[in-house]
PDB file of N, CA and C in Angstrom:
ATOM      1  N   MET A   1       1.572 -20.956  -3.068  1.00  0.00           N
ATOM      2  CA  MET A   1       1.388 -19.914  -3.537  1.00  0.00           C
ATOM      3  C   MET A   1       1.001 -18.561  -3.033  1.00  0.00           C
ATOM      4  N   ALA A   2       1.596 -17.688  -3.616  1.00  0.00           N
ATOM      5  CA  ALA A   2       1.044 -16.478  -2.976  1.00  0.00           C
ATOM      6  C   ALA A   2       0.604 -15.846  -3.432  1.00  0.00           C
ATOM      7  N   GLU A   3      -0.158 -14.660  -2.471  1.00  0.00           N
ATOM      8  CA  GLU A   3      -1.217 -14.550  -2.878  1.00  0.00           C
ATOM      9  C   GLU A   3      -1.601 -13.623  -3.347  1.00  0.00           C
ATOM     10  N   ILE A   4      -2.567 -13.092  -4.281  1.00  0.00           N
ATOM     11  CA  ILE A   4      -2.519 -12.086  -5.475  1.00  0.00           C
ATOM     12  C   ILE A   4      -3.192 -10.319  -4.471  1.00  0.00           C
ATOM     13  N   PRO A   5      -1.826  -9.823  -4.722  1.00  0.00           N
ATOM     14  CA  PRO A   5      -3.130  -8.276  -3.771  1.00  0.00           C
ATOM     15  C   PRO A   5      -4.364  -8.291  -4.795  1.00  0.00           C
ATOM     16  N   HIS A   6      -5.061  -7.619  -4.460  1.00  0.00           N
ATOM     17  CA  HIS A   6      -6.687  -7.210  -4.638  1.00  0.00           C
ATOM     18  C   HIS A   6      -6.419  -5.520  -5.014  1.00  0.00           C
ATOM     19  N   LEU A   7      -5.675  -4.948  -4.497  1.00  0.00           N
ATOM     20  CA  LEU A   7      -5.909  -3.260  -4.080  1.00  0.00           C
ATOM     21  C   LEU A   7      -4.100  -2.931  -4.374  1.00  0.00           C
ATOM     22  N   LEU A   8      -4.103  -1.643  -5.192  1.00  0.00           N
ATOM     23  CA  LEU A   8      -2.431  -1.256  -4.990  1.00  0.00           C
ATOM     24  C   LEU A   8      -2.621  -0.184  -4.970  1.00  0.00           C
ATOM     25  N   VAL A   9      -1.788   0.367  -4.139  1.00  0.00           N
ATOM     26  CA  VAL A   9      -1.878   1.440  -3.320  1.00  0.00           C
ATOM     27  C   VAL A   9      -0.518   2.144  -4.392  1.00  0.00           C
ATOM     28  N   HIS A  10      -0.584   3.136  -4.375  1.00  0.00           N
ATOM     29  CA  HIS A  10       0.954   3.814  -5.296  1.00  0.00           C
ATOM     30  C   HIS A  10       1.821   4.548  -4.796  1.00  0.00           C
ATOM     31  N   ASN A  11       1.708   5.560  -3.558  1.00  0.00           N
ATOM     32  CA  ASN A  11       2.176   5.720  -2.694  1.00  0.00           C
ATOM     33  C   ASN A  11       2.037   5.861  -1.588  1.00  0.00           C
ATOM     34  N   ARG A  12       3.048   5.901  -0.692  1.00  0.00           N
ATOM     35  CA  ARG A  12       2.439   5.632   1.063  1.00  0.00           C
ATOM     36  C   ARG A  12       1.355   7.427   2.006  1.00  0.00           C
ATOM     37  N   ARG A  13       1.720   8.530   0.567  1.00  0.00           N
ATOM     38  CA  ARG A  13       0.433   9.559   1.210  1.00  0.00           C
ATOM     39  C   ARG A  13      -0.596   9.290   0.483  1.00  0.00           C
ATOM     40  N   ASP A  14      -1.007   8.735  -0.687  1.00  0.00           N
ATOM     41  CA  ASP A  14      -2.426   7.890  -0.950  1.00  0.00           C
ATOM     42  C   ASP A  14      -3.366   7.868   0.368  1.00  0.00           C
ATOM     43  N   ASN A  15      -4.666   8.602  -0.029  1.00  0.00           N
ATOM     44  CA  ASN A  15      -5.908   8.277   0.511  1.00  0.00           C
ATOM     45  C   ASN A  15      -7.065   6.851   0.246  1.00  0.00           C
ATOM     46  N   VAL A  16      -6.227   6.861  -1.430  1.00  0.00           N
ATOM     47  CA  VAL A  16      -7.714   5.563  -1.648  1.00  0.00           C
ATOM     48  C   VAL A  16      -5.919   5.163  -2.944  1.00  0.00           C
ATOM     49  N   GLY A  17      -7.221   3.523  -3.194  1.00  0.00           N
ATOM     50  CA  GLY A  17      -5.964   2.215  -3.640  1.00  0.00           C
ATOM     51  C   GLY A  17      -7.001   1.668  -5.172  1.00  0.00           C
ATOM     52  N   VAL A  18      -6.642   1.359  -5.969  1.00  0.00           N
ATOM     53  CA  VAL A  18      -7.069   0.788  -6.842  1.00  0.00           C
ATOM     54  C   VAL A  18      -7.432   0.152  -6.925  1.00  0.00           C
ATOM     55  N   VAL A  19      -8.575  -1.234  -7.210  1.00  0.00           N
ATOM     56  CA  VAL A  19      -8.851  -1.940  -7.657  1.00  0.00           C
ATOM     57  C   VAL A  19      -7.777  -3.172  -8.999  1.00  0.00           C
ATOM     58  N   VAL A  20      -7.458  -4.054  -8.601  1.00  0.00           N
ATOM     59  CA  VAL A  20      -6.441  -4.869  -9.165  1.00  0.00           C
ATOM     60  C   VAL A  20      -6.799  -6.190  -9.470  1.00  0.00           C
ATOM     61  N   VAL A  21      -8.139  -6.831  -9.245  1.00  0.00           N
ATOM     62  CA  VAL A  21      -8.963  -8.227 -10.160  1.00  0.00           C
ATOM     63  C   VAL A  21     -10.565  -7.490  -9.708  1.00  0.00           C
ATOM     64  N   GLU A  22     -10.966  -8.929 -11.200  1.00  0.00           N
ATOM     65  CA  GLU A  22     -12.158  -8.757 -11.739  1.00  0.00           C
ATOM     66  C   GLU A  22     -13.487  -9.026 -10.428  1.00  0.00           C
ATOM     67  N   ASN A  23     -14.366  -8.622 -10.200  1.00  0.00           N
ATOM     68  CA  ASN A  23     -14.964  -9.011  -9.859  1.00  0.00           C
ATOM     69  C   ASN A  23     -14.869  -9.389  -8.474  1.00  0.00           C
ATOM     70  N   LEU A  24     -14.597  -8.025  -8.246  1.00  0.00           N
ATOM     71  CA  LEU A  24     -14.282  -7.727  -6.365  1.00  0.00           C
ATOM     72  C   LEU A  24     -15.692  -7.600  -5.480  1.00  0.00           C
ATOM     73  N   GLU A  25     -15.693  -8.354  -3.817  1.00  0.00           N
ATOM     74  CA  GLU A  25     -17.683  -8.626  -3.793  1.00  0.00           C
ATOM     75  C   GLU A  25     -16.705  -7.718  -2.288  1.00  0.00           C
ATOM     76  N   ALA A  26     -18.287  -7.041  -2.219  1.00  0.00           N
ATOM     77  CA  ALA A  26     -18.562  -6.834  -0.418  1.00  0.00           C
ATOM     78  C   ALA A  26     -17.463  -8.074   0.148  1.00  0.00           C
ATOM     79  N   ASN A  27     -17.325  -6.945   1.292  1.00  0.00           N
ATOM     80  CA  ASN A  27     -16.689  -7.834   2.610  1.00  0.00           C
ATOM     81  C   ASN A  27     -15.569  -8.579   2.677  1.00  0.00           C
ATOM     82  N   THR A  28     -15.020  -8.065   0.911  1.00  0.00           N
ATOM     83  CA  THR A  28     -13.320  -9.053   0.684  1.00  0.00           C
ATOM     84  C   THR A  28     -12.649  -8.351   1.842  1.00  0.00           C
ATOM     85  N   ASN A  29     -11.933  -9.377   2.475  1.00  0.00           N
ATOM     86  CA  ASN A  29     -10.221  -9.303   2.868  1.00  0.00           C
ATOM     87  C   ASN A  29      -9.205  -9.032   2.064  1.00  0.00           C
ATOM     88  N   MET A  30      -9.575  -7.618   1.874  1.00  0.00           N
ATOM     89  CA  MET A  30      -8.689  -7.697   0.491  1.00  0.00           C
ATOM     90  C   MET A  30      -7.214  -6.971   0.856  1.00  0.00           C
ATOM     91  N   LEU A  31      -6.345  -8.114   0.105  1.00  0.00           N
ATOM     92  CA  LEU A  31      -4.529  -7.951   0.641  1.00  0.00           C
ATOM     93  C   LEU A  31      -4.335  -6.821  -0.041  1.00  0.00           C
ATOM     94  N   CYS A  32      -3.679  -5.499   0.280  1.00  0.00           N
ATOM     95  CA  CYS A  32      -3.192  -4.401  -0.289  1.00  0.00           C
ATOM     96  C   CYS A  32      -1.788  -4.347  -0.643  1.00  0.00           C
ATOM     97  N   CYS A  33      -1.126  -3.975  -1.341  1.00  0.00           N
ATOM     98  CA  CYS A  33       0.117  -4.068  -1.896  1.00  0.00           C
ATOM     99  C   CYS A  33       0.692  -2.465  -1.874  1.00  0.00           C
ATOM    100  N   ILE A  34       1.529  -2.152  -1.249  1.00  0.00           N
ATOM    101  CA  ILE A  34       2.016  -0.026  -1.196  1.00  0.00           C
ATOM    102  C   ILE A  34       3.217  -0.556  -2.377  1.00  0.00           C
ATOM    103  N   THR A  35       3.142   0.021  -3.558  1.00  0.00           N
ATOM    104  CA  THR A  35       3.807  -0.287  -4.739  1.00  0.00           C
ATOM    105  C   THR A  35       5.027   0.344  -4.491  1.00  0.00           C
ATOM    106  N   GLU A  36       5.267   1.338  -3.920  1.00  0.00           N
ATOM    107  CA  GLU A  36       6.452   2.550  -3.481  1.00  0.00           C
ATOM    108  C   GLU A  36       7.487   1.519  -2.895  1.00  0.00           C
ATOM    109  N   ASP A  37       6.947   1.127  -2.020  1.00  0.00           N
ATOM    110  CA  ASP A  37       8.024   0.377  -0.552  1.00  0.00           C
ATOM    111  C   ASP A  37       7.464  -0.952  -1.000  1.00  0.00           C
ATOM    112  N   ASN A  38       6.387  -2.292  -1.291  1.00  0.00           N
ATOM    113  CA  ASN A  38       6.070  -3.273  -1.325  1.00  0.00           C
ATOM    114  C   ASN A  38       5.603  -3.521  -0.540  1.00  0.00           C
ATOM    115  N   SER A  39       5.617  -2.915   0.305  1.00  0.00           N
ATOM    116  CA  SER A  39       4.879  -3.925   1.982  1.00  0.00           C
ATOM    117  C   SER A  39       3.170  -3.703   1.850  1.00  0.00           C
ATOM    118  N   THR A  40       2.503  -4.144   2.679  1.00  0.00           N
ATOM    119  CA  THR A  40       1.470  -5.165   2.086  1.00  0.00           C
ATOM    120  C   THR A  40       0.527  -4.520   3.851  1.00  0.00           C
ATOM    121  N   PHE A  41      -0.698  -4.865   3.417  1.00  0.00           N
ATOM    122  CA  PHE A  41      -1.770  -4.295   4.564  1.00  0.00           C
ATOM    123  C   PHE A  41      -2.944  -5.238   4.582  1.00  0.00           C
ATOM    124  N   ARG A  42      -4.395  -4.505   5.057  1.00  0.00           N
ATOM    125  CA  ARG A  42      -5.574  -5.448   4.727  1.00  0.00           C
ATOM    126  C   ARG A  42      -6.535  -4.472   5.067  1.00  0.00           C
ATOM    127  N   LEU A  43      -7.297  -4.749   4.273  1.00  0.00           N
ATOM    128  CA  LEU A  43      -8.467  -3.648   4.100  1.00  0.00           C
ATOM    129  C   LEU A  43     -10.048  -4.282   3.752  1.00  0.00           C
ATOM    130  N   THR A  44     -10.483  -4.020   3.865  1.00  0.00           N
ATOM    131  CA  THR A  44     -12.192  -5.163   3.884  1.00  0.00           C
ATOM    132  C   THR A  44     -12.816  -3.906   2.974  1.00  0.00           C
ATOM    133  N   SER A  45     -12.989  -4.500   2.276  1.00  0.00           N
ATOM    134  CA  SER A  45     -13.764  -4.051   0.853  1.00  0.00           C
ATOM    135  C   SER A  45     -15.549  -3.816   1.274  1.00  0.00           C
ATOM    136  N   LYS A  46     -16.199  -3.189   1.199  1.00  0.00           N
ATOM    137  CA  LYS A  46     -17.658  -2.559   1.619  1.00  0.00           C
ATOM    138  C   LYS A  46     -18.797  -2.591   0.946  1.00  0.00           C
ATOM    139  N   MET A  47     -17.904  -2.617  -0.308  1.00  0.00           N
ATOM    140  CA  MET A  47     -18.892  -2.921  -1.598  1.00  0.00           C
ATOM    141  C   MET A  47     -18.525  -4.171  -2.596  1.00  0.00           C
ATOM    142  N   ASP A  48     -19.556  -4.196  -3.829  1.00  0.00           N
ATOM    143  CA  ASP A  48     -18.478  -4.288  -4.363  1.00  0.00           C
ATOM    144  C   ASP A  48     -18.081  -3.144  -5.684  1.00  0.00           C
ATOM    145  N   VAL A  49     -16.528  -3.790  -6.276  1.00  0.00           N
ATOM    146  CA  VAL A  49     -16.312  -2.452  -6.697  1.00  0.00           C
ATOM    147  C   VAL A  49     -15.171  -3.282  -8.018  1.00  0.00           C
ATOM    148  N   PRO A  50     -15.525  -2.313  -8.952  1.00  0.00           N
ATOM    149  CA  PRO A  50     -14.995  -3.200 -10.359  1.00  0.00           C
ATOM    150  C   PRO A  50     -13.670  -2.800 -10.755  1.00  0.00           C
ATOM    151  N   ILE A  51     -12.885  -4.167 -11.334  1.00  0.00           N
ATOM    152  CA  ILE A  51     -11.368  -3.794 -12.134  1.00  0.00           C
ATOM    153  C   ILE A  51     -11.284  -1.712 -11.624  1.00  0.00           C
ATOM    154  N   GLY A  52      -9.915  -1.159 -11.367  1.00  0.00           N
ATOM    155  CA  GLY A  52      -9.916  -0.223 -12.084  1.00  0.00           C
ATOM    156  C   GLY A  52     -10.418   1.026 -11.295  1.00  0.00           C
ATOM    157  N   HIS A  53     -11.377   0.504 -10.685  1.00  0.00           N
ATOM    158  CA  HIS A  53     -12.307   1.769  -9.773  1.00  0.00           C
ATOM    159  C   HIS A  53     -11.358   1.480  -7.902  1.00  0.00           C
ATOM    160  N   LYS A  54     -11.401   3.081  -7.568  1.00  0.00           N
ATOM    161  CA  LYS A  54     -10.720   3.280  -6.509  1.00  0.00           C
ATOM    162  C   LYS A  54     -11.291   3.013  -5.058  1.00  0.00           C
ATOM    163  N   ILE A  55     -10.854   2.294  -3.860  1.00  0.00           N
ATOM    164  CA  ILE A  55     -11.183   2.153  -3.152  1.00  0.00           C
ATOM    165  C   ILE A  55     -10.894   3.299  -1.760  1.00  0.00           C
ATOM    166  N   ALA A  56     -11.757   4.102  -1.035  1.00  0.00           N
ATOM    167  CA  ALA A  56     -11.417   4.755   0.297  1.00  0.00           C
ATOM    168  C   ALA A  56     -10.441   3.918   1.542  1.00  0.00           C
ATOM    169  N   LEU A  57      -9.002   4.227   1.251  1.00  0.00           N
ATOM    170  CA  LEU A  57      -8.675   3.849   2.899  1.00  0.00           C
ATOM    171  C   LEU A  57      -8.710   4.451   4.068  1.00  0.00           C
ATOM    172  N   LEU A  58      -9.188   5.372   4.263  1.00  0.00           N
ATOM    173  CA  LEU A  58      -9.944   5.531   5.035  1.00  0.00           C
ATOM    174  C   LEU A  58     -11.191   6.025   5.282  1.00  0.00           C
ATOM    175  N   ASP A  59     -11.340   6.713   6.098  1.00  0.00           N
ATOM    176  CA  ASP A  59     -12.693   8.203   6.097  1.00  0.00           C
ATOM    177  C   ASP A  59     -12.560   9.257   5.550  1.00  0.00           C
ATOM    178  N   LEU A  60     -13.101   9.717   4.342  1.00  0.00           N
ATOM    179  CA  LEU A  60     -12.818  11.031   3.769  1.00  0.00           C
ATOM    180  C   LEU A  60     -14.174  11.674   3.949  1.00  0.00           C
ATOM    181  N   LYS A  61     -14.261  12.743   4.251  1.00  0.00           N
ATOM    182  CA  LYS A  61     -14.760  13.723   4.054  1.00  0.00           C
ATOM    183  C   LYS A  61     -15.209  14.329   3.166  1.00  0.00           C
ATOM    184  N   SER A  62     -16.582  14.929   2.577  1.00  0.00           N
ATOM    185  CA  SER A  62     -16.961  16.108   1.894  1.00  0.00           C
ATOM    186  C   SER A  62     -15.875  16.956   1.883  1.00  0.00           C
ATOM    187  N   GLY A  63     -15.294  17.814   1.168  1.00  0.00           N
ATOM    188  CA  GLY A  63     -14.525  19.155   1.006  1.00  0.00           C
ATOM    189  C   GLY A  63     -12.888  18.363   0.546  1.00  0.00           C
ATOM    190  N   GLU A  64     -12.911  16.853   1.765  1.00  0.00           N
ATOM    191  CA  GLU A  64     -11.388  17.094   1.243  1.00  0.00           C
ATOM    192  C   GLU A  64     -10.565  16.541   0.233  1.00  0.00           C
ATOM    193  N   THR A  65      -9.376  16.656  -0.036  1.00  0.00           N
ATOM    194  CA  THR A  65      -9.008  15.840  -1.198  1.00  0.00           C
ATOM    195  C   THR A  65      -8.196  14.655  -1.365  1.00  0.00           C
ATOM    196  N   ALA A  66      -8.464  13.817  -2.647  1.00  0.00           N
ATOM    197  CA  ALA A  66      -8.967  12.588  -2.611  1.00  0.00           C
ATOM    198  C   ALA A  66      -6.890  12.402  -3.429  1.00  0.00           C
ATOM    199  N   THR A  67      -6.594  11.365  -2.764  1.00  0.00           N
ATOM    200  CA  THR A  67      -4.843  11.752  -3.629  1.00  0.00           C
ATOM    201  C   THR A  67      -4.189  10.023  -4.037  1.00  0.00           C
ATOM    202  N   LYS A  68      -3.828  10.097  -4.843  1.00  0.00           N
ATOM    203  CA  LYS A  68      -3.200   8.754  -5.655  1.00  0.00           C
ATOM    204  C   LYS A  68      -2.131   9.259  -6.343  1.00  0.00           C
ATOM    205  N   TYR A  69      -1.546   8.142  -6.199  1.00  0.00           N
ATOM    206  CA  TYR A  69       0.067   8.728  -7.057  1.00  0.00           C
ATOM    207  C   TYR A  69       0.840   9.532  -5.669  1.00  0.00           C
ATOM    208  N   GLY A  70       0.310   9.981  -4.928  1.00  0.00           N
ATOM    209  CA  GLY A  70       0.637  11.421  -4.301  1.00  0.00           C
ATOM    210  C   GLY A  70      -0.001  12.567  -4.761  1.00  0.00           C
ATOM    211  N   GLU A  71      -0.436  12.403  -5.394  1.00  0.00           N
ATOM    212  CA  GLU A  71      -1.140  13.824  -6.124  1.00  0.00           C
ATOM    213  C   GLU A  71      -2.684  14.050  -5.864  1.00  0.00           C
ATOM    214  N   ASP A  72      -3.205  15.235  -6.293  1.00  0.00           N
ATOM    215  CA  ASP A  72      -4.586  15.714  -6.176  1.00  0.00           C
ATOM    216  C   ASP A  72      -4.767  15.335  -6.854  1.00  0.00           C
ATOM    217  N   ILE A  73      -6.621  13.771  -7.179  1.00  0.00           N
ATOM    218  CA  ILE A  73      -7.315  13.578  -8.542  1.00  0.00           C
ATOM    219  C   ILE A  73      -8.445  14.133  -7.801  1.00  0.00           C
ATOM    220  N   GLY A  74      -8.696  14.950  -6.955  1.00  0.00           N
ATOM    221  CA  GLY A  74     -10.161  15.245  -6.961  1.00  0.00           C
ATOM    222  C   GLY A  74     -10.645  16.130  -5.470  1.00  0.00           C
ATOM    223  N   LYS A  75     -11.413  16.065  -5.500  1.00  0.00           N
ATOM    224  CA  LYS A  75     -12.228  16.188  -4.302  1.00  0.00           C
ATOM    225  C   LYS A  75     -13.320  15.670  -4.352  1.00  0.00           C
ATOM    226  N   ILE A  76     -13.551  15.483  -3.137  1.00  0.00           N
ATOM    227  CA  ILE A  76     -14.412  13.684  -2.403  1.00  0.00           C
ATOM    228  C   ILE A  76     -15.573  15.101  -2.061  1.00  0.00           C
ATOM    229  N   VAL A  77     -17.376  14.920  -2.368  1.00  0.00           N
ATOM    230  CA  VAL A  77     -18.318  15.761  -2.378  1.00  0.00           C
ATOM    231  C   VAL A  77     -19.611  15.089  -1.763  1.00  0.00           C
ATOM    232  N   THR A  78     -19.345  13.868  -1.119  1.00  0.00           N
ATOM    233  CA  THR A  78     -19.790  13.291  -0.368  1.00  0.00           C
ATOM    234  C   THR A  78     -19.340  12.174   0.745  1.00  0.00           C
ATOM    235  N   ASP A  79     -19.551  11.946   1.822  1.00  0.00           N
ATOM    236  CA  ASP A  79     -18.906  11.791   3.148  1.00  0.00           C
ATOM    237  C   ASP A  79     -18.196   9.943   2.015  1.00  0.00           C
ATOM    238  N   VAL A  80     -17.088   9.109   2.108  1.00  0.00           N
ATOM    239  CA  VAL A  80     -16.927   8.227   2.323  1.00  0.00           C
ATOM    240  C   VAL A  80     -16.747   7.461   3.172  1.00  0.00           C
ATOM    241  N   ALA A  81     -17.001   6.065   3.707  1.00  0.00           N
ATOM    242  CA  ALA A  81     -16.612   5.332   4.497  1.00  0.00           C
ATOM    243  C   ALA A  81     -14.833   4.426   4.175  1.00  0.00           C
ATOM    244  N   GLN A  82     -14.281   4.246   4.686  1.00  0.00           N
ATOM    245  CA  GLN A  82     -13.192   3.601   4.392  1.00  0.00           C
ATOM    246  C   GLN A  82     -13.536   2.171   4.196  1.00  0.00           C
ATOM    247  N   GLY A  83     -13.182   1.519   2.928  1.00  0.00           N
ATOM    248  CA  GLY A  83     -13.358   0.618   2.439  1.00  0.00           C
ATOM    249  C   GLY A  83     -14.525   0.531   1.060  1.00  0.00           C
ATOM    250  N   ASP A  84     -15.128   2.147   1.441  1.00  0.00           N
ATOM    251  CA  ASP A  84     -16.078   2.167  -0.202  1.00  0.00           C
ATOM    252  C   ASP A  84     -15.133   2.203  -1.575  1.00  0.00           C
ATOM    253  N   HIS A  85     -16.535   2.182  -1.946  1.00  0.00           N
ATOM    254  CA  HIS A  85     -16.157   2.884  -4.075  1.00  0.00           C
ATOM    255  C   HIS A  85     -16.052   4.411  -3.595  1.00  0.00           C
ATOM    256  N   VAL A  86     -14.855   4.269  -4.775  1.00  0.00           N
ATOM    257  CA  VAL A  86     -14.353   6.269  -5.011  1.00  0.00           C
ATOM    258  C   VAL A  86     -14.114   5.977  -6.189  1.00  0.00           C
ATOM    259  N   HIS A  87     -16.007   7.102  -6.684  1.00  0.00           N
ATOM    260  CA  HIS A  87     -15.679   7.198  -8.071  1.00  0.00           C
ATOM    261  C   HIS A  87     -16.442   8.292  -8.334  1.00  0.00           C
ATOM    262  N   THR A  88     -16.781   8.337  -9.468  1.00  0.00           N
ATOM    263  CA  THR A  88     -17.586  10.221 -10.070  1.00  0.00           C
ATOM    264  C   THR A  88     -18.756  10.103  -9.505  1.00  0.00           C
ATOM    265  N   HIS A  89     -19.227   9.484  -9.092  1.00  0.00           N
ATOM    266  CA  HIS A  89     -20.001   9.495  -7.852  1.00  0.00           C
ATOM    267  C   HIS A  89     -19.936  10.557  -6.947  1.00  0.00           C
ATOM    268  N   ASN A  90     -18.845  10.187  -6.118  1.00  0.00           N
ATOM    269  CA  ASN A  90     -18.162  10.888  -4.770  1.00  0.00           C
ATOM    270  C   ASN A  90     -16.968  11.739  -4.780  1.00  0.00           C
ATOM    271  N   CYS A  91     -16.197  12.001  -6.234  1.00  0.00           N
ATOM    272  CA  CYS A  91     -15.081  12.666  -6.797  1.00  0.00           C
ATOM    273  C   CYS A  91     -15.321  13.067  -7.494  1.00  0.00           C
ATOM    274  N   LYS A  92     -14.943  14.292  -7.770  1.00  0.00           N
ATOM    275  CA  LYS A  92     -15.316  15.163  -8.751  1.00  0.00           C
ATOM    276  C   LYS A  92     -13.621  15.522  -8.599  1.00  0.00           C
ATOM    277  N   THR A  93     -13.335  15.988 -10.265  1.00  0.00           N
ATOM    278  CA  THR A  93     -12.461  17.016  -9.635  1.00  0.00           C
ATOM    279  C   THR A  93     -12.093  18.506  -9.998  1.00  0.00           C
ATOM    280  N   LYS A  94     -11.256  18.982  -9.938  1.00  0.00           N
ATOM    281  CA  LYS A  94     -11.102  20.475  -9.602  1.00  0.00           C
ATOM    282  C   LYS A  94     -10.775  21.614 -10.098  1.00  0.00           C
ATOM    283  N   ARG A  95     -10.266  20.902 -11.558  1.00  0.00           N
ATOM    284  CA  ARG A  95     -10.334  21.322 -12.514  1.00  0.00           C
ATOM    285  C   ARG A  95     -11.495  22.207 -13.239  1.00  0.00           C
ATOM    286  N   TRP A  96     -12.844  21.817 -13.165  1.00  0.00           N
ATOM    287  CA  TRP A  96     -13.985  22.762 -13.214  1.00  0.00           C
ATOM    288  C   TRP A  96     -15.059  22.921 -12.242  1.00  0.00           C
TER     289      TRP A  96
END
């Protein structure tokens, strides 16, 4: 039986991926799929993350841009380590 991906990455330029399974737990060795070309890689989650929320694909420093779908989705406001949860507590819109 084929393994189901835990995380989807929409574009190779993205630095965050989206959790697509319920109850993702810390220390999960996630199967990650890049939908742009259907390639896969592995990444370990550092914390529990709800479905639909994002995980950092690499270390992100405060002030850097979060990228999803190859587009700017916000500014990182506190340092985020690879595998950490990315959401409104550490990523804010640049619109206001």
